[in-house]
Amino acid sequence: MVQIPENPLILVDGSSYLYRAYHAFPPLTNSAGEPTGAMYGVLNMLRSLILQYQPTHAVVVFDAKGKTFRDELFEHYKSHRPPMPDDLRAQIEPLHKMVKAMGLPLMAVPGVEADDVIGTLAREAERAGRPVLISTGDKDMAQLVTPGITLINTMTNTILGPDEVVTKYGVPPELIIDFLALMGDSSDNIPGVRAWAKRPPRRCCKASAALIRCMRNRRRSLN
């Protein structure tokens, strides 16, 4: 059982919240016929999170407009995803205003994604001795988990510490990046090592961990 430290810095993946709310809540509209369903869902989730943990410091982070450095590295990055629906896009600016009206700092950094910003903030807070709680549904964030950085998925009510990451993925947090590189990530249209991901999941997890450790030990010996 993961124990959430008292008064953690809460980092919210606003973009993850936005898409989850859009698909989870009905297509509500206001009196002017403008879409509000995703906005309603995000604000409700934020309110519940803040009421539950009563943080003194929290930041809501969204993806900025435009391409990121990953698009430059790999031209097919997320290329399989359909464009953002117009009724969702129309809710972004009003949502940003509402988040700020709640008194919550909002960040969106051009050229990088929300999870890049969250990762930077989490590591800096950890170095300063501040416990961190990251609220997201993004599996990539598992790489950030340490005894001082915890993940919570409010939609499934699951909390991940270091032991829970191993239980779920078969590798510890520090090997998540290497694990996903071997397996690939279909949600981001990133291919893995050919034939590697066709193995049974649990067997593949164990084999990945063994291979990654072998590669890292090899690099250390060469250095």
C-alpha atoms as a PDB file:
ATOM      1  CA  MET A   1       0.000   0.000   0.000  1.00  0.00           C
ATOM      2  CA  VAL A   2       1.444   3.342  -1.084  1.00  0.00           C
ATOM      3  CA  GLN A   3       1.378   6.060   1.542  1.00  0.00           C
ATOM      4  CA  ILE A   4       0.912   9.561   0.114  1.00  0.00           C
ATOM      5  CA  PRO A   5       3.161  12.004   2.015  1.00  0.00           C
ATOM      6  CA  GLU A   6       1.501  14.940   3.710  1.00  0.00           C
ATOM      7  CA  ASN A   7       1.203  18.131   1.644  1.00  0.00           C
ATOM      8  CA  PRO A   8       2.873  16.944  -1.574  1.00  0.00           C
ATOM      9  CA  LEU A   9       3.504  19.159  -4.553  1.00  0.00           C
ATOM     10  CA  ILE A  10       0.698  18.124  -6.906  1.00  0.00           C
ATOM     11  CA  LEU A  11       1.462  18.108 -10.625  1.00  0.00           C
ATOM     12  CA  VAL A  12      -1.570  17.579 -12.836  1.00  0.00           C
ATOM     13  CA  ASP A  13      -1.331  16.360 -16.421  1.00  0.00           C
ATOM     14  CA  GLY A  14      -3.988  18.711 -17.751  1.00  0.00           C
ATOM     15  CA  SER A  15      -3.848  17.328 -21.286  1.00  0.00           C
ATOM     16  CA  SER A  16      -4.434  13.805 -20.003  1.00  0.00           C
ATOM     17  CA  TYR A  17      -7.353  15.102 -17.928  1.00  0.00           C
ATOM     18  CA  LEU A  18      -8.781  16.887 -20.964  1.00  0.00           C
ATOM     19  CA  TYR A  19      -8.950  13.843 -23.233  1.00  0.00           C
ATOM     20  CA  ARG A  20     -10.165  11.541 -20.479  1.00  0.00           C
ATOM     21  CA  ALA A  21     -12.947  13.954 -19.555  1.00  0.00           C
ATOM     22  CA  TYR A  22     -13.932  14.413 -23.195  1.00  0.00           C
ATOM     23  CA  HIS A  23     -14.496  10.683 -23.623  1.00  0.00           C
ATOM     24  CA  ALA A  24     -15.922  10.037 -20.145  1.00  0.00           C
ATOM     25  CA  PHE A  25     -18.511  12.813 -19.877  1.00  0.00           C
ATOM     26  CA  PRO A  26     -21.560  13.451 -22.080  1.00  0.00           C
ATOM     27  CA  PRO A  27     -21.380  16.204 -24.739  1.00  0.00           C
ATOM     28  CA  LEU A  28     -22.753  18.989 -22.555  1.00  0.00           C
ATOM     29  CA  THR A  29     -23.366  22.520 -23.852  1.00  0.00           C
ATOM     30  CA  ASN A  30     -24.117  25.880 -22.273  1.00  0.00           C
ATOM     31  CA  SER A  31     -27.085  28.129 -23.030  1.00  0.00           C
ATOM     32  CA  ALA A  32     -25.287  29.467 -26.101  1.00  0.00           C
ATOM     33  CA  GLY A  33     -24.816  25.963 -27.486  1.00  0.00           C
ATOM     34  CA  GLU A  34     -21.068  25.955 -26.837  1.00  0.00           C
ATOM     35  CA  PRO A  35     -19.504  22.603 -25.819  1.00  0.00           C
ATOM     36  CA  THR A  36     -18.637  22.305 -22.122  1.00  0.00           C
ATOM     37  CA  GLY A  37     -18.528  18.567 -21.345  1.00  0.00           C
ATOM     38  CA  ALA A  38     -14.737  18.155 -21.229  1.00  0.00           C
ATOM     39  CA  MET A  39     -14.318  21.394 -19.312  1.00  0.00           C
ATOM     40  CA  TYR A  40     -16.921  20.305 -16.772  1.00  0.00           C
ATOM     41  CA  GLY A  41     -15.169  16.965 -16.313  1.00  0.00           C
ATOM     42  CA  VAL A  42     -11.682  18.445 -15.886  1.00  0.00           C
ATOM     43  CA  LEU A  43     -12.828  21.039 -13.359  1.00  0.00           C
ATOM     44  CA  ASN A  44     -14.646  18.385 -11.349  1.00  0.00           C
ATOM     45  CA  MET A  45     -11.559  16.152 -11.288  1.00  0.00           C
ATOM     46  CA  LEU A  46      -9.340  19.063 -10.259  1.00  0.00           C
ATOM     47  CA  ARG A  47     -11.727  20.091  -7.506  1.00  0.00           C
ATOM     48  CA  SER A  48     -11.892  16.554  -6.127  1.00  0.00           C
ATOM     49  CA  LEU A  49      -8.095  16.182  -6.198  1.00  0.00           C
ATOM     50  CA  ILE A  50      -7.501  19.463  -4.380  1.00  0.00           C
ATOM     51  CA  LEU A  51     -10.175  18.758  -1.775  1.00  0.00           C
ATOM     52  CA  GLN A  52      -8.761  15.299  -1.091  1.00  0.00           C
ATOM     53  CA  TYR A  53      -5.104  16.255  -0.656  1.00  0.00           C
ATOM     54  CA  GLN A  54      -5.320  19.927   0.378  1.00  0.00           C
ATOM     55  CA  PRO A  55      -1.952  20.877  -1.158  1.00  0.00           C
ATOM     56  CA  THR A  56      -0.318  24.234  -0.578  1.00  0.00           C
ATOM     57  CA  HIS A  57       1.319  24.008  -4.010  1.00  0.00           C
ATOM     58  CA  ALA A  58      -0.095  22.568  -7.230  1.00  0.00           C
ATOM     59  CA  VAL A  59       0.485  23.114 -10.951  1.00  0.00           C
ATOM     60  CA  VAL A  60      -1.701  22.131 -13.903  1.00  0.00           C
ATOM     61  CA  VAL A  61       0.325  21.461 -17.056  1.00  0.00           C
ATOM     62  CA  PHE A  62      -1.025  21.335 -20.618  1.00  0.00           C
ATOM     63  CA  ASP A  63       0.530  20.573 -23.986  1.00  0.00           C
ATOM     64  CA  ALA A  64       1.383  23.766 -25.867  1.00  0.00           C
ATOM     65  CA  LYS A  65       0.245  24.397 -29.431  1.00  0.00           C
ATOM     66  CA  GLY A  66       2.473  23.245 -32.269  1.00  0.00           C
ATOM     67  CA  LYS A  67       5.036  20.529 -32.814  1.00  0.00           C
ATOM     68  CA  THR A  68       7.548  19.266 -30.278  1.00  0.00           C
ATOM     69  CA  PHE A  69      11.149  18.101 -30.538  1.00  0.00           C
ATOM     70  CA  ARG A  70       9.863  14.525 -30.871  1.00  0.00           C
ATOM     71  CA  ASP A  71       8.253  15.383 -34.200  1.00  0.00           C
ATOM     72  CA  GLU A  72      11.691  16.470 -35.412  1.00  0.00           C
ATOM     73  CA  LEU A  73      13.293  13.234 -34.204  1.00  0.00           C
ATOM     74  CA  PHE A  74      10.644  10.910 -35.662  1.00  0.00           C
ATOM     75  CA  GLU A  75       8.359  12.147 -38.431  1.00  0.00           C
ATOM     76  CA  HIS A  76       5.710   9.492 -37.742  1.00  0.00           C
ATOM     77  CA  TYR A  77       5.375  10.371 -34.051  1.00  0.00           C
ATOM     78  CA  LYS A  78       1.640  10.231 -33.208  1.00  0.00           C
ATOM     79  CA  SER A  79       0.908  10.519 -36.935  1.00  0.00           C
ATOM     80  CA  HIS A  80      -1.792   7.838 -36.699  1.00  0.00           C
ATOM     81  CA  ARG A  81      -3.931   9.927 -34.366  1.00  0.00           C
ATOM     82  CA  PRO A  82      -6.901  11.807 -35.815  1.00  0.00           C
ATOM     83  CA  PRO A  83      -7.006  15.606 -35.476  1.00  0.00           C
ATOM     84  CA  MET A  84      -8.434  16.992 -32.245  1.00  0.00           C
ATOM     85  CA  PRO A  85     -12.237  17.243 -32.558  1.00  0.00           C
ATOM     86  CA  ASP A  86     -13.474  20.802 -33.043  1.00  0.00           C
ATOM     87  CA  ASP A  87     -15.813  20.596 -30.056  1.00  0.00           C
ATOM     88  CA  LEU A  88     -12.853  19.641 -27.848  1.00  0.00           C
ATOM     89  CA  ARG A  89     -10.513  22.276 -29.266  1.00  0.00           C
ATOM     90  CA  ALA A  90     -13.133  24.948 -28.571  1.00  0.00           C
ATOM     91  CA  GLN A  91     -13.001  24.151 -24.850  1.00  0.00           C
ATOM     92  CA  ILE A  92      -9.246  24.566 -24.336  1.00  0.00           C
ATOM     93  CA  GLU A  93      -9.018  28.344 -23.936  1.00  0.00           C
ATOM     94  CA  PRO A  94     -12.119  28.600 -21.699  1.00  0.00           C
ATOM     95  CA  LEU A  95     -10.745  25.738 -19.605  1.00  0.00           C
ATOM     96  CA  HIS A  96      -7.395  27.481 -19.176  1.00  0.00           C
ATOM     97  CA  LYS A  97      -9.215  30.585 -17.940  1.00  0.00           C
ATOM     98  CA  MET A  98     -11.261  28.539 -15.478  1.00  0.00           C
ATOM     99  CA  VAL A  99      -8.175  26.758 -14.107  1.00  0.00           C
ATOM    100  CA  LYS A 100      -6.511  30.122 -13.500  1.00  0.00           C
ATOM    101  CA  ALA A 101      -9.719  31.421 -11.911  1.00  0.00           C
ATOM    102  CA  MET A 102      -9.472  28.541  -9.422  1.00  0.00           C
ATOM    103  CA  GLY A 103      -6.134  30.000  -8.341  1.00  0.00           C
ATOM    104  CA  LEU A 104      -4.098  27.176  -9.851  1.00  0.00           C
ATOM    105  CA  PRO A 105      -0.876  27.945 -11.752  1.00  0.00           C
ATOM    106  CA  LEU A 106      -1.038  26.754 -15.364  1.00  0.00           C
ATOM    107  CA  MET A 107       1.938  25.908 -17.567  1.00  0.00           C
ATOM    108  CA  ALA A 108       2.249  25.131 -21.287  1.00  0.00           C
ATOM    109  CA  VAL A 109       5.785  25.242 -22.708  1.00  0.00           C
ATOM    110  CA  PRO A 110       6.234  25.443 -26.514  1.00  0.00           C
ATOM    111  CA  GLY A 111       8.323  22.696 -28.095  1.00  0.00           C
ATOM    112  CA  VAL A 112       7.761  20.111 -25.376  1.00  0.00           C
ATOM    113  CA  GLU A 113       4.840  18.093 -24.037  1.00  0.00           C
ATOM    114  CA  ALA A 114       3.103  18.385 -20.699  1.00  0.00           C
ATOM    115  CA  ASP A 115       4.812  15.259 -19.375  1.00  0.00           C
ATOM    116  CA  ASP A 116       8.250  16.769 -20.134  1.00  0.00           C
ATOM    117  CA  VAL A 117       7.394  19.792 -18.002  1.00  0.00           C
ATOM    118  CA  ILE A 118       5.972  17.594 -15.259  1.00  0.00           C
ATOM    119  CA  GLY A 119       9.092  15.438 -15.269  1.00  0.00           C
ATOM    120  CA  THR A 120      11.330  18.487 -14.874  1.00  0.00           C
ATOM    121  CA  LEU A 121       9.233  19.958 -12.059  1.00  0.00           C
ATOM    122  CA  ALA A 122       9.045  16.604 -10.270  1.00  0.00           C
ATOM    123  CA  ARG A 123      12.807  16.046 -10.330  1.00  0.00           C
ATOM    124  CA  GLU A 124      13.525  19.600  -9.175  1.00  0.00           C
ATOM    125  CA  ALA A 125      11.048  19.278  -6.307  1.00  0.00           C
ATOM    126  CA  GLU A 126      12.520  15.934  -5.304  1.00  0.00           C
ATOM    127  CA  ARG A 127      16.017  17.426  -5.226  1.00  0.00           C
ATOM    128  CA  ALA A 128      14.653  20.157  -2.957  1.00  0.00           C
ATOM    129  CA  GLY A 129      13.270  17.513  -0.594  1.00  0.00           C
ATOM    130  CA  ARG A 130       9.602  18.037  -1.485  1.00  0.00           C
ATOM    131  CA  PRO A 131       7.342  14.974  -1.958  1.00  0.00           C
ATOM    132  CA  VAL A 132       5.519  14.935  -5.298  1.00  0.00           C
ATOM    133  CA  LEU A 133       2.170  13.512  -6.390  1.00  0.00           C
ATOM    134  CA  ILE A 134       1.618  13.347 -10.155  1.00  0.00           C
ATOM    135  CA  SER A 135      -1.967  12.965 -11.332  1.00  0.00           C
ATOM    136  CA  THR A 136      -2.070  11.422 -14.799  1.00  0.00           C
ATOM    137  CA  GLY A 137      -3.226   8.461 -16.834  1.00  0.00           C
ATOM    138  CA  ASP A 138      -0.035   8.405 -18.942  1.00  0.00           C
ATOM    139  CA  LYS A 139       1.988   5.205 -18.514  1.00  0.00           C
ATOM    140  CA  ASP A 140       5.184   6.978 -19.614  1.00  0.00           C
ATOM    141  CA  MET A 141       5.183   8.802 -16.286  1.00  0.00           C
ATOM    142  CA  ALA A 142       6.033   5.556 -14.484  1.00  0.00           C
ATOM    143  CA  GLN A 143       9.694   6.311 -15.241  1.00  0.00           C
ATOM    144  CA  LEU A 144       9.516   9.190 -12.732  1.00  0.00           C
ATOM    145  CA  VAL A 145       8.410   7.124  -9.742  1.00  0.00           C
ATOM    146  CA  THR A 146      10.734   7.073  -6.732  1.00  0.00           C
ATOM    147  CA  PRO A 147      10.150   6.845  -2.975  1.00  0.00           C
ATOM    148  CA  GLY A 148       9.501  10.604  -3.159  1.00  0.00           C
ATOM    149  CA  ILE A 149       7.468  10.751  -6.396  1.00  0.00           C
ATOM    150  CA  THR A 150       4.132   8.952  -6.622  1.00  0.00           C
ATOM    151  CA  LEU A 151       1.629   8.575  -9.470  1.00  0.00           C
ATOM    152  CA  ILE A 152      -2.127   8.620  -9.068  1.00  0.00           C
ATOM    153  CA  ASN A 153      -4.724   7.851 -11.724  1.00  0.00           C
ATOM    154  CA  THR A 154      -7.927   9.429 -10.454  1.00  0.00           C
ATOM    155  CA  MET A 155     -10.071   7.734 -13.104  1.00  0.00           C
ATOM    156  CA  THR A 156      -9.114   4.240 -11.931  1.00  0.00           C
ATOM    157  CA  ASN A 157      -8.187   5.263  -8.377  1.00  0.00           C
ATOM    158  CA  THR A 158      -4.815   3.514  -8.654  1.00  0.00           C
ATOM    159  CA  ILE A 159      -1.640   4.733  -6.971  1.00  0.00           C
ATOM    160  CA  LEU A 160       1.829   3.694  -8.118  1.00  0.00           C
ATOM    161  CA  GLY A 161       4.973   3.689  -6.022  1.00  0.00           C
ATOM    162  CA  PRO A 162       8.188   1.864  -6.989  1.00  0.00           C
ATOM    163  CA  ASP A 163       6.892  -1.592  -5.982  1.00  0.00           C
ATOM    164  CA  GLU A 164       3.601  -1.085  -7.811  1.00  0.00           C
ATOM    165  CA  VAL A 165       5.448  -0.126 -11.008  1.00  0.00           C
ATOM    166  CA  VAL A 166       7.355  -3.423 -10.890  1.00  0.00           C
ATOM    167  CA  THR A 167       4.126  -5.336 -10.267  1.00  0.00           C
ATOM    168  CA  LYS A 168       2.357  -3.642 -13.176  1.00  0.00           C
ATOM    169  CA  TYR A 169       5.114  -3.507 -15.802  1.00  0.00           C
ATOM    170  CA  GLY A 170       7.608  -6.148 -14.712  1.00  0.00           C
ATOM    171  CA  VAL A 171      10.499  -3.662 -14.546  1.00  0.00           C
ATOM    172  CA  PRO A 172      11.439  -0.978 -11.992  1.00  0.00           C
ATOM    173  CA  PRO A 173      10.849   2.718 -12.775  1.00  0.00           C
ATOM    174  CA  GLU A 174      14.452   3.350 -13.826  1.00  0.00           C
ATOM    175  CA  LEU A 175      14.089   0.754 -16.620  1.00  0.00           C
ATOM    176  CA  ILE A 176      10.730   1.958 -17.973  1.00  0.00           C
ATOM    177  CA  ILE A 177      12.346   4.068 -20.717  1.00  0.00           C
ATOM    178  CA  ASP A 178      14.422   1.140 -21.964  1.00  0.00           C
ATOM    179  CA  PHE A 179      11.454  -1.213 -21.650  1.00  0.00           C
ATOM    180  CA  LEU A 180       9.229   1.003 -23.807  1.00  0.00           C
ATOM    181  CA  ALA A 181      12.044   1.452 -26.330  1.00  0.00           C
ATOM    182  CA  LEU A 182      12.243  -2.330 -26.742  1.00  0.00           C
ATOM    183  CA  MET A 183       8.485  -2.883 -26.732  1.00  0.00           C
ATOM    184  CA  GLY A 184       7.485   0.162 -28.739  1.00  0.00           C
ATOM    185  CA  ASP A 185       4.454   2.291 -27.954  1.00  0.00           C
ATOM    186  CA  SER A 186       1.462   1.903 -30.247  1.00  0.00           C
ATOM    187  CA  SER A 187      -0.326   4.852 -28.620  1.00  0.00           C
ATOM    188  CA  ASP A 188       2.454   7.151 -29.876  1.00  0.00           C
ATOM    189  CA  ASN A 189       3.059   5.208 -33.117  1.00  0.00           C
ATOM    190  CA  ILE A 190       6.583   4.285 -32.009  1.00  0.00           C
ATOM    191  CA  PRO A 191       7.807   0.887 -33.250  1.00  0.00           C
ATOM    192  CA  GLY A 192       9.715  -1.412 -30.934  1.00  0.00           C
ATOM    193  CA  VAL A 193      12.480  -3.883 -31.641  1.00  0.00           C
ATOM    194  CA  ARG A 194      11.245  -6.258 -34.352  1.00  0.00           C
ATOM    195  CA  ALA A 195       9.615  -9.432 -32.959  1.00  0.00           C
ATOM    196  CA  TRP A 196      10.395  -8.403 -29.367  1.00  0.00           C
ATOM    197  CA  ALA A 197       6.885  -7.199 -28.565  1.00  0.00           C
ATOM    198  CA  LYS A 198       5.337 -10.415 -29.931  1.00  0.00           C
ATOM    199  CA  ARG A 199       6.433 -12.347 -26.857  1.00  0.00           C
ATOM    200  CA  PRO A 200       3.957 -13.027 -24.036  1.00  0.00           C
ATOM    201  CA  PRO A 201       3.777  -9.816 -21.905  1.00  0.00           C
ATOM    202  CA  ARG A 202       5.126 -11.206 -18.624  1.00  0.00           C
ATOM    203  CA  ARG A 203       7.911 -13.128 -20.332  1.00  0.00           C
ATOM    204  CA  CYS A 204       8.760 -10.060 -22.373  1.00  0.00           C
ATOM    205  CA  CYS A 205       8.958  -7.901 -19.240  1.00  0.00           C
ATOM    206  CA  LYS A 206      11.441 -10.245 -17.596  1.00  0.00           C
ATOM    207  CA  ALA A 207      13.499 -10.629 -20.766  1.00  0.00           C
ATOM    208  CA  SER A 208      13.525  -6.855 -21.280  1.00  0.00           C
ATOM    209  CA  ALA A 209      14.755  -6.211 -17.742  1.00  0.00           C
ATOM    210  CA  ALA A 210      17.537  -8.767 -18.140  1.00  0.00           C
ATOM    211  CA  LEU A 211      18.617  -7.374 -21.518  1.00  0.00           C
ATOM    212  CA  ILE A 212      18.552  -3.766 -20.326  1.00  0.00           C
ATOM    213  CA  ARG A 213      20.688  -4.550 -17.287  1.00  0.00           C
ATOM    214  CA  CYS A 214      23.132  -6.449 -19.504  1.00  0.00           C
ATOM    215  CA  MET A 215      23.401  -3.486 -21.908  1.00  0.00           C
ATOM    216  CA  ARG A 216      23.924  -1.021 -19.069  1.00  0.00           C
ATOM    217  CA  ASN A 217      26.596  -3.171 -17.456  1.00  0.00           C
ATOM    218  CA  ARG A 218      28.316  -3.428 -20.826  1.00  0.00           C
ATOM    219  CA  ARG A 219      28.340   0.354 -21.220  1.00  0.00           C
ATOM    220  CA  ARG A 220      29.796   0.784 -17.730  1.00  0.00           C
ATOM    221  CA  SER A 221      32.582  -1.700 -18.475  1.00  0.00           C
ATOM    222  CA  LEU A 222      33.473   0.150 -21.692  1.00  0.00           C
ATOM    223  CA  ASN A 223      33.663   3.437 -19.839  1.00  0.00           C
END
